[in-house]
Amino acid sequence: MTRAFVLWLSRNGPQFPMNSMDEAMQNALGHATIQSPIQHFQGYSQRLCKLLLGFDWAPVVRLAEDLRDCWRTAHQVFLCGNGGSAANATHMANDFLYPVSKRKGSALRAHALTENPAVLTCLGNDEGYDEIFSFQLAALANEGDLLLAFSGSGNSPNILRALQEARRLGMKSYAILGYSGGKAKELADVPIHVAIEDMQIAEDTQTIICHMIMQWLYAQRDLFATPGGTAAT
């Protein structure tokens, strides 16, 4: 397929209705559809690097310190998201449970609210998709636990309901958000707002931020945890 034909197709091919996030993606990509793969990959890398180098890390420091406190005090950490963010929630629950120390009985008590299909479909069917995370928190979470929500738009109703439930329970809530941050930016105790209108880079930053924190916690594992689950004094 020649570049000229791709350009012609982009201008004259079938047109489909776009929502606001589709339009934002088109703006972010620019002319990526007519670039060579290497040009697109370099542009993507540059956008991601520019975002990280100019980022305000203060709320990430707060999250790192609060996760360390959860490890020290045995408070639970709950993660949630939709789509790719749901996969990231499951991924990071794993990383906080085992790779964070690689020692039996010494880890964060991390749970992904996205991981049980039976629970998700039951709640979705009986209570509605908006409640699939909030009902789990109501049953499992306690005051002092931590909620970490992932959302590209910040407007997913089930994420908003989870943040509201966390507040009702006396949990500390964080949300890693893209685009404008949406309504979740106001509901989270500490929003971590990645202001980019690109869903893929927004989801990249969820794992990048959490991997940074996981490595920082791993480096401190001898300070507050020992093999067998005995906390250091």
Protein backbone atom coordinates (compact mmCIF):
# COMPACT_ATOMS: atom_id res chain seq x y z
CA MET A 1 0.00 0.00 0.00
CA THR A 2 1.61 3.25 -1.13
CA ARG A 3 1.76 6.41 0.95
CA ALA A 4 -0.27 8.25 -1.70
CA PHE A 5 -3.06 5.68 -1.52
CA VAL A 6 -3.12 5.79 2.30
CA LEU A 7 -3.40 9.59 2.14
CA TRP A 8 -6.20 9.35 -0.44
CA LEU A 9 -8.03 6.76 1.67
CA SER A 10 -7.78 8.91 4.81
CA ARG A 11 -9.44 11.76 2.92
CA ASN A 12 -11.94 9.91 0.75
CA GLY A 13 -12.58 6.58 2.49
CA PRO A 14 -15.64 5.73 4.59
CA GLN A 15 -16.24 8.12 7.44
CA PHE A 16 -17.43 6.94 10.84
CA PRO A 17 -18.89 9.03 13.66
CA MET A 18 -16.31 9.90 16.33
CA ASN A 19 -16.80 10.64 20.00
CA SER A 20 -14.69 13.24 21.80
CA MET A 21 -12.02 10.72 22.77
CA ASP A 22 -11.75 9.52 19.16
CA GLU A 23 -11.22 13.12 18.08
CA ALA A 24 -8.59 13.58 20.77
CA MET A 25 -6.79 10.48 19.54
CA GLN A 26 -6.85 11.77 15.96
CA ASN A 27 -5.34 15.05 17.14
CA ALA A 28 -2.66 13.22 19.14
CA LEU A 29 -1.69 11.01 16.20
CA GLY A 30 -1.64 13.77 13.61
CA HIS A 31 -0.41 12.23 10.38
CA ALA A 32 0.80 8.98 11.94
CA THR A 33 -1.25 6.93 9.46
CA ILE A 34 0.96 8.12 6.60
CA GLN A 35 4.26 7.90 8.47
CA SER A 36 6.63 4.98 8.27
CA PRO A 37 6.48 2.63 11.29
CA ILE A 38 9.82 3.91 12.62
CA GLN A 39 8.66 7.53 12.39
CA HIS A 40 5.53 6.69 14.34
CA PHE A 41 7.46 4.71 16.96
CA GLN A 42 9.93 7.56 17.44
CA GLY A 43 7.10 10.07 17.75
CA TYR A 44 5.33 7.91 20.34
CA SER A 45 8.56 7.56 22.34
CA GLN A 46 9.17 11.29 22.22
CA ARG A 47 5.66 12.10 23.45
CA LEU A 48 5.98 9.64 26.33
CA CYS A 49 9.44 10.86 27.33
CA LYS A 50 8.40 14.53 27.19
CA LEU A 51 5.42 13.76 29.40
CA LEU A 52 7.51 11.93 32.02
CA LEU A 53 10.34 14.46 32.09
CA GLY A 54 7.93 17.33 32.75
CA PHE A 55 5.69 15.47 35.19
CA ASP A 56 4.89 16.63 38.74
CA TRP A 57 5.93 13.64 40.85
CA ALA A 58 4.61 15.00 44.18
CA PRO A 59 1.36 12.96 44.19
CA VAL A 60 3.30 9.85 43.13
CA VAL A 61 5.59 10.33 46.14
CA ARG A 62 2.49 10.44 48.35
CA LEU A 63 1.20 7.20 46.80
CA ALA A 64 4.58 5.51 47.28
CA GLU A 65 4.72 6.52 50.94
CA ASP A 66 1.12 5.47 51.58
CA LEU A 67 1.74 2.07 49.96
CA ARG A 68 4.80 1.66 52.18
CA ASP A 69 2.61 2.44 55.18
CA CYS A 70 0.07 -0.15 54.02
CA TRP A 71 2.85 -2.72 53.89
CA ARG A 72 4.04 -1.77 57.36
CA THR A 73 0.55 -1.75 58.93
CA ALA A 74 -0.98 -4.65 56.93
CA HIS A 75 -3.72 -2.44 55.52
CA GLN A 76 -5.18 -3.72 52.24
CA VAL A 77 -4.70 -2.18 48.79
CA PHE A 78 -7.48 -2.48 46.21
CA LEU A 79 -7.05 -1.72 42.50
CA CYS A 80 -9.63 -1.26 39.76
CA GLY A 81 -10.06 -0.12 36.17
CA ASN A 82 -11.83 -0.93 32.89
CA GLY A 83 -10.47 -2.49 29.71
CA GLY A 84 -6.71 -1.99 29.48
CA SER A 85 -6.83 -0.30 32.87
CA ALA A 86 -8.47 -3.43 34.29
CA ALA A 87 -5.56 -5.50 32.98
CA ASN A 88 -3.17 -3.01 34.57
CA ALA A 89 -5.00 -3.31 37.88
CA THR A 90 -4.58 -7.10 37.83
CA HIS A 91 -0.95 -6.76 36.75
CA MET A 92 -0.06 -4.34 39.52
CA ALA A 93 -1.90 -6.34 42.18
CA ASN A 94 0.45 -9.16 41.24
CA ASP A 95 3.53 -6.94 41.42
CA PHE A 96 2.60 -5.57 44.83
CA LEU A 97 1.87 -9.06 46.13
CA TYR A 98 5.04 -10.90 45.10
CA PRO A 99 7.73 -9.07 43.07
CA VAL A 100 7.70 -6.23 45.61
CA SER A 101 9.69 -8.42 48.04
CA LYS A 102 9.90 -12.00 46.68
CA ARG A 103 9.70 -13.24 50.25
CA LYS A 104 7.01 -15.54 51.58
CA GLY A 105 4.58 -13.68 53.83
CA SER A 106 6.15 -10.29 53.19
CA ALA A 107 4.22 -8.13 50.75
CA LEU A 108 1.36 -5.74 50.29
CA ARG A 109 -2.10 -7.20 50.81
CA ALA A 110 -3.09 -6.24 47.26
CA HIS A 111 -6.35 -7.19 45.54
CA ALA A 112 -7.54 -6.42 42.01
CA LEU A 113 -11.30 -5.87 41.96
CA THR A 114 -11.16 -6.87 38.29
CA GLU A 115 -9.97 -10.45 38.74
CA ASN A 116 -13.04 -12.59 39.55
CA PRO A 117 -15.36 -13.06 36.53
CA ALA A 118 -18.06 -14.69 38.64
CA VAL A 119 -18.22 -11.72 41.01
CA LEU A 120 -18.06 -9.17 38.18
CA THR A 121 -20.83 -10.79 36.15
CA CYS A 122 -22.98 -11.40 39.21
CA LEU A 123 -22.78 -7.78 40.35
CA GLY A 124 -23.07 -6.48 36.80
CA ASN A 125 -26.21 -8.54 36.22
CA ASP A 126 -27.89 -7.93 39.58
CA GLU A 127 -26.73 -4.44 40.58
CA GLY A 128 -25.55 -2.91 37.31
CA TYR A 129 -22.09 -2.40 35.85
CA ASP A 130 -21.68 0.89 37.72
CA GLU A 131 -21.56 -1.04 41.03
CA ILE A 132 -19.14 -3.87 40.22
CA PHE A 133 -16.31 -2.31 42.24
CA SER A 134 -18.22 -0.43 44.95
CA PHE A 135 -20.06 -3.55 46.15
CA GLN A 136 -16.79 -5.44 46.47
CA LEU A 137 -15.27 -2.62 48.50
CA ALA A 138 -18.32 -2.53 50.77
CA ALA A 139 -17.81 -6.23 51.55
CA LEU A 140 -14.01 -6.43 51.72
CA ALA A 141 -12.44 -3.08 52.59
CA ASN A 142 -11.89 -1.45 55.96
CA GLU A 143 -11.12 2.02 57.22
CA GLY A 144 -7.48 2.83 56.55
CA ASP A 145 -7.23 0.62 53.47
CA LEU A 146 -6.19 2.17 50.15
CA LEU A 147 -7.93 2.28 46.77
CA LEU A 148 -5.92 2.84 43.60
CA ALA A 149 -8.14 3.45 40.55
CA PHE A 150 -6.95 3.54 36.94
CA SER A 151 -8.98 5.46 34.36
CA GLY A 152 -8.07 7.02 31.04
CA SER A 153 -11.03 9.39 30.93
CA GLY A 154 -11.72 9.74 34.66
CA ASN A 155 -15.44 9.50 33.94
CA SER A 156 -16.24 5.77 34.08
CA PRO A 157 -19.30 5.47 36.36
CA ASN A 158 -18.00 2.36 38.15
CA ILE A 159 -14.73 4.15 38.95
CA LEU A 160 -16.64 7.14 40.32
CA ARG A 161 -18.82 4.86 42.46
CA ALA A 162 -15.73 3.06 43.78
CA LEU A 163 -14.16 6.38 44.80
CA GLN A 164 -17.38 7.42 46.52
CA GLU A 165 -17.54 4.12 48.38
CA ALA A 166 -13.92 4.44 49.42
CA ARG A 167 -14.68 7.81 50.94
CA ARG A 168 -17.70 6.40 52.77
CA LEU A 169 -15.57 3.63 54.24
CA GLY A 170 -12.77 5.91 55.38
CA MET A 171 -10.25 4.58 52.84
CA LYS A 172 -7.51 6.66 51.24
CA SER A 173 -8.11 6.92 47.48
CA TYR A 174 -5.77 7.57 44.59
CA ALA A 175 -6.60 7.71 40.87
CA ILE A 176 -4.18 7.71 37.94
CA LEU A 177 -6.03 9.60 35.22
CA GLY A 178 -5.52 10.73 31.63
CA TYR A 179 -7.19 13.34 29.40
CA SER A 180 -8.80 16.10 31.54
CA GLY A 181 -8.96 13.86 34.63
CA GLY A 182 -12.76 13.84 34.46
CA LYS A 183 -14.98 13.70 37.52
CA ALA A 184 -12.57 11.31 39.24
CA LYS A 185 -10.07 14.14 39.60
CA GLU A 186 -12.38 15.73 42.16
CA LEU A 187 -13.48 12.52 43.86
CA ALA A 188 -10.07 10.97 44.52
CA ASP A 189 -8.28 12.06 47.69
CA VAL A 190 -5.10 12.31 45.64
CA PRO A 191 -5.47 12.43 41.84
CA ILE A 192 -2.40 11.64 39.75
CA HIS A 193 -3.32 13.45 36.57
CA VAL A 194 -1.41 12.58 33.40
CA ALA A 195 -2.66 15.34 31.13
CA ILE A 196 -2.42 13.70 27.72
CA GLU A 197 -5.17 12.99 25.20
CA ASP A 198 -3.85 9.60 24.18
CA MET A 199 -5.39 6.51 25.76
CA GLN A 200 -2.41 4.26 25.08
CA ILE A 201 0.12 6.61 26.68
CA ALA A 202 -2.31 7.25 29.55
CA GLU A 203 -2.43 3.49 30.18
CA ASP A 204 1.35 3.24 29.79
CA THR A 205 1.80 5.71 32.62
CA GLN A 206 -0.33 3.60 34.94
CA THR A 207 2.16 0.75 34.78
CA ILE A 208 5.22 3.02 34.62
CA ILE A 209 4.23 4.85 37.80
CA CYS A 210 3.43 1.63 39.64
CA HIS A 211 6.59 -0.12 38.44
CA MET A 212 8.63 2.82 39.69
CA ILE A 213 6.95 2.57 43.08
CA MET A 214 7.33 -1.22 43.19
CA GLN A 215 11.08 -0.97 42.59
CA TRP A 216 11.38 1.75 45.25
CA LEU A 217 9.53 -0.45 47.75
CA TYR A 218 11.61 -3.49 46.82
CA ALA A 219 14.79 -1.54 47.56
CA GLN A 220 13.48 -0.94 51.10
CA ARG A 221 12.19 -4.41 51.86
CA ASP A 222 14.78 -5.01 54.59
CA LEU A 223 13.72 -1.89 56.46
CA PHE A 224 10.23 -3.00 57.40
CA ALA A 225 9.69 -6.63 56.49
CA THR A 226 11.53 -9.89 56.96
CA PRO A 227 10.99 -13.43 55.62
CA GLY A 228 8.06 -15.24 57.15
CA GLY A 229 5.95 -12.11 57.44
CA THR A 230 7.50 -10.70 60.61
CA ALA A 231 7.53 -6.92 60.47
CA ALA A 232 10.76 -5.18 61.35
CA THR A 233 10.78 -3.02 64.48
